[in-house]
Each structure stands twice: as C-alpha cells, then as structure tokens.
Amino acid sequence: MTEKIIIAGFGGQGVILAGKLLAYTGMIEGKYVSHIPSYGAEMRGGTANCSVIISDKEISSPLISKPTTIIVMNPPSLFKFEEKVLSNGKVFVNNSLIDDKVKRDDVDIYYVPANDIAEKAGSGRASNMVMVGAFIGVTEIVEKENVKNSLSNVISKRNLKFNEINFKAIDMGYDFIKKELLV
C-alpha cells in the first residue's frame, strides 16, 4: 500500500508537523517514507504544505504530482489541490473553516470539523492532530498508537506540555471518522 499525501493550510495550522508526524510514524513501522515541507513567503499566516509518501515499497521519487490523498485546512488549499488528486483518491476537508464543497465526484470526500473537535479536545490549535486522526482512521496506513507514541519525537520540547491535548485530538478525529463511515 502506498499513500501519497499533500497536507495544506495556512502557516501556523501545523500542516508541516502533521506531515512530519505521519512520516516519522511510517518510518518506525518499517515503511519507506518521504517528507518534503513547503512554506509560503510569510510562513505563519502564509501558505504552507507538505508532501508525504508512506509505502510498503521503495519510493522512486519524493515529489508528488498526483496525490492519492489531500488534507486541506483552509479554502485556498482546497482550490489549489482539489484537481490534483487521483481519481478514486481521498479528500479530507476541514469544514470548520471551509464552507465550499468538493466539486469532484470521482474521489472519496471526508468533511471533518477539525477546529470544532480540537476545541473540545482542549485547544483549537490541535486541528492538525484531528485531521491526522481522521486520515489514519480511513486509511489505516499507520497505527494510531504508533502515531501517538511518535509525537514526542517530532515536536519541540517546549510543546511537550500539549501532548495530552494532541493525543485526545488524534483520538477524537479517529473516532469521528469511524462514526461517519458507519453512516
């Protein structure tokens, strides 16, 4: 199984961290991984995205032109990346901030109120972790417990105090999407 993922949003939404977390988890699970962050000129408040590949097979190129999945945190990211997703791919939309609907009918669409769920977890800033939880709930490309165990290895020491909130946000995103899939 191979997932080619683009995670995109405003700088400060934690999209780079989300990608780094998924790549690190894939690595500790013995998978082939790549992670390429991309920052807009302004960084915080500007655009940010990252490309992550997690695969059971060797990765021939870390560049992603046609992702199997996009995780979009804000409207400009949806507009920029929606058309790039492979047919039969997956689109995860943070519909706390994105009112627009995905226009394509050849992809699986998951609307996740990530900011709202993150607030319930303890901090709106954990919306990235909600989306990570939702993504792994659908794809099962990495194990949820391994994601949580990897978190301390990819965040700065000063942010370790937020681990419990992040763990809760991952669990809540995962649980939310599992309930949605049953409907």
Protein backbone atom coordinates (compact mmCIF):
# COMPACT_ATOMS: atom_id res chain seq x y z
CA MET A 1 0.00 0.00 0.00
CA THR A 2 1.24 3.48 -0.87
CA GLU A 3 -0.22 6.81 0.21
CA LYS A 4 0.94 9.99 -1.49
CA ILE A 5 -0.38 12.78 0.71
CA ILE A 6 -0.44 16.54 0.43
CA ILE A 7 -1.35 18.39 3.62
CA ALA A 8 -2.04 22.09 3.11
CA GLY A 9 -3.21 25.15 5.03
CA PHE A 10 -2.12 28.47 6.44
CA GLY A 11 1.23 28.71 8.18
CA GLY A 12 0.62 28.13 11.89
CA GLN A 13 -2.03 25.43 11.36
CA GLY A 14 0.50 22.69 11.93
CA VAL A 15 0.44 21.13 8.47
CA ILE A 16 4.21 20.62 8.45
CA LEU A 17 4.09 18.98 11.88
CA ALA A 18 1.23 16.71 10.76
CA GLY A 19 3.27 15.56 7.77
CA LYS A 20 6.40 15.07 9.83
CA LEU A 21 4.41 13.01 12.36
CA LEU A 22 2.95 10.73 9.69
CA ALA A 23 6.35 10.25 8.02
CA TYR A 24 8.10 9.53 11.32
CA THR A 25 5.42 7.01 12.29
CA GLY A 26 5.74 5.27 8.94
CA MET A 27 9.49 5.11 9.44
CA ILE A 28 9.26 3.49 12.90
CA GLU A 29 6.81 0.98 11.42
CA GLY A 30 9.49 -0.02 8.91
CA LYS A 31 7.87 1.58 5.88
CA TYR A 32 9.51 3.67 3.20
CA VAL A 33 8.77 7.35 3.73
CA SER A 34 9.49 10.81 2.41
CA HIS A 35 8.52 14.23 3.77
CA ILE A 36 9.00 17.49 1.91
CA PRO A 37 7.80 20.69 3.64
CA SER A 38 6.98 23.82 1.63
CA TYR A 39 6.48 27.22 3.21
CA GLY A 40 4.95 30.33 1.68
CA ALA A 41 6.86 33.60 1.85
CA GLU A 42 5.20 34.74 5.07
CA MET A 43 5.27 31.42 6.96
CA ARG A 44 2.84 31.98 9.88
CA GLY A 45 -0.34 33.16 8.21
CA GLY A 46 1.07 32.44 4.74
CA THR A 47 0.55 29.21 2.88
CA ALA A 48 2.23 26.00 3.93
CA ASN A 49 2.00 22.48 2.63
CA CYS A 50 3.94 19.29 2.74
CA SER A 51 4.21 16.16 0.68
CA VAL A 52 4.38 12.84 2.48
CA ILE A 53 4.74 9.40 0.98
CA ILE A 54 4.29 6.28 3.10
CA SER A 55 4.78 2.99 1.28
CA ASP A 56 5.49 -0.69 1.67
CA LYS A 57 7.67 -0.39 -1.47
CA GLU A 58 10.71 1.73 -2.23
CA ILE A 59 9.86 5.29 -3.25
CA SER A 60 11.18 6.20 -6.69
CA SER A 61 10.64 9.95 -6.27
CA PRO A 62 9.66 12.04 -3.24
CA LEU A 63 7.83 14.51 -5.49
CA ILE A 64 4.06 14.20 -5.73
CA SER A 65 2.26 15.42 -8.83
CA LYS A 66 -0.88 13.30 -8.34
CA PRO A 67 -1.59 12.68 -4.64
CA THR A 68 -3.75 9.77 -3.52
CA THR A 69 -4.91 11.96 -0.62
CA ILE A 70 -5.13 15.64 0.21
CA ILE A 71 -5.80 17.05 3.65
CA VAL A 72 -6.87 20.68 3.34
CA MET A 73 -7.17 23.02 6.28
CA ASN A 74 -8.33 26.26 4.57
CA PRO A 75 -10.19 27.41 1.42
CA PRO A 76 -7.13 28.38 -0.69
CA SER A 77 -5.69 24.89 -0.15
CA LEU A 78 -8.87 23.21 -1.37
CA PHE A 79 -8.88 25.37 -4.50
CA LYS A 80 -5.19 24.73 -5.14
CA PHE A 81 -5.08 20.96 -4.65
CA GLU A 82 -8.58 19.57 -5.35
CA GLU A 83 -7.94 18.96 -9.05
CA LYS A 84 -4.59 17.27 -8.42
CA VAL A 85 -5.96 14.27 -6.50
CA LEU A 86 -6.02 10.99 -8.37
CA SER A 87 -9.38 9.64 -9.40
CA ASN A 88 -10.60 7.38 -6.57
CA GLY A 89 -8.38 9.34 -4.18
CA LYS A 90 -9.36 10.87 -0.86
CA VAL A 91 -10.06 14.48 0.08
CA PHE A 92 -10.15 15.45 3.78
CA VAL A 93 -11.70 18.89 4.28
CA ASN A 94 -11.57 20.93 7.49
CA ASN A 95 -15.14 22.14 7.22
CA SER A 96 -14.78 24.25 10.36
CA LEU A 97 -13.03 26.75 8.07
CA ILE A 98 -14.05 25.63 4.57
CA ASP A 99 -17.66 26.21 3.56
CA ASP A 100 -17.14 25.17 -0.07
CA LYS A 101 -17.93 21.65 -1.15
CA VAL A 102 -15.59 19.48 -3.16
CA LYS A 103 -16.74 19.66 -6.76
CA ARG A 104 -15.40 16.31 -7.91
CA ASP A 105 -17.47 13.15 -7.89
CA ASP A 106 -14.62 10.72 -8.56
CA VAL A 107 -12.98 10.98 -5.12
CA ASP A 108 -13.95 9.99 -1.60
CA ILE A 109 -14.69 13.10 0.46
CA TYR A 110 -14.44 13.41 4.23
CA TYR A 111 -15.69 16.60 5.85
CA VAL A 112 -14.17 16.92 9.31
CA PRO A 113 -14.97 19.88 11.61
CA ALA A 114 -11.38 19.82 12.81
CA ASN A 115 -11.30 23.16 14.64
CA ASP A 116 -14.55 22.40 16.46
CA ILE A 117 -13.33 18.96 17.51
CA ALA A 118 -9.94 20.39 18.54
CA GLU A 119 -11.66 22.93 20.80
CA LYS A 120 -13.44 20.05 22.53
CA ALA A 121 -10.08 18.29 22.89
CA GLY A 122 -8.70 21.34 24.70
CA SER A 123 -7.21 23.63 22.05
CA GLY A 124 -8.28 24.84 18.61
CA ARG A 125 -4.62 24.65 17.64
CA ALA A 126 -4.85 20.85 17.65
CA SER A 127 -6.97 20.80 14.47
CA ASN A 128 -4.00 19.30 12.62
CA MET A 129 -3.99 16.34 15.01
CA VAL A 130 -7.74 15.89 14.50
CA MET A 131 -7.10 15.60 10.76
CA VAL A 132 -4.24 13.15 11.34
CA GLY A 133 -6.62 11.02 13.42
CA ALA A 134 -9.31 11.15 10.72
CA PHE A 135 -6.79 10.30 7.99
CA ILE A 136 -5.44 7.23 9.79
CA GLY A 137 -8.99 6.21 10.69
CA VAL A 138 -9.79 5.93 6.98
CA THR A 139 -6.51 4.71 5.51
CA GLU A 140 -5.01 2.73 8.40
CA ILE A 141 -1.63 3.35 6.70
CA VAL A 142 -0.07 3.62 10.18
CA GLU A 143 -1.26 2.53 13.62
CA LYS A 144 -2.95 5.14 15.81
CA GLU A 145 -0.98 4.18 18.92
CA ASN A 146 2.27 4.47 16.97
CA VAL A 147 1.27 7.97 15.85
CA LYS A 148 0.68 8.98 19.46
CA ASN A 149 3.95 7.36 20.56
CA SER A 150 5.83 9.20 17.78
CA LEU A 151 4.56 12.64 18.72
CA SER A 152 7.21 13.35 21.36
CA ASN A 153 9.91 12.69 18.76
CA VAL A 154 8.67 15.28 16.26
CA ILE A 155 7.57 18.23 18.40
CA SER A 156 9.79 20.65 20.22
CA LYS A 157 10.46 20.12 23.92
CA ARG A 158 8.58 23.31 24.81
CA ASN A 159 5.42 21.85 23.22
CA LEU A 160 5.54 18.50 25.03
CA LYS A 161 3.12 20.01 27.57
CA PHE A 162 0.42 19.79 24.86
CA ASN A 163 0.83 16.05 24.32
CA GLU A 164 -2.34 15.11 26.21
CA ILE A 165 -4.41 17.56 24.16
CA ASN A 166 -2.80 16.27 20.96
CA PHE A 167 -3.45 12.65 21.96
CA LYS A 168 -7.08 13.49 22.66
CA ALA A 169 -7.39 15.34 19.33
CA ILE A 170 -5.96 12.36 17.43
CA ASP A 171 -8.40 10.02 19.21
CA MET A 172 -11.35 12.34 18.60
CA GLY A 173 -10.54 12.74 14.88
CA TYR A 174 -10.16 8.98 14.55
CA ASP A 175 -13.42 8.30 16.42
CA PHE A 176 -15.29 10.99 14.46
CA ILE A 177 -14.38 9.50 11.10
CA LYS A 178 -15.07 5.92 12.22
CA LYS A 179 -18.60 7.02 13.21
CA GLU A 180 -19.01 8.86 9.89
CA LEU A 181 -18.00 5.75 7.95
CA LEU A 182 -20.78 3.78 9.65
CA VAL A 183 -23.47 6.22 8.50
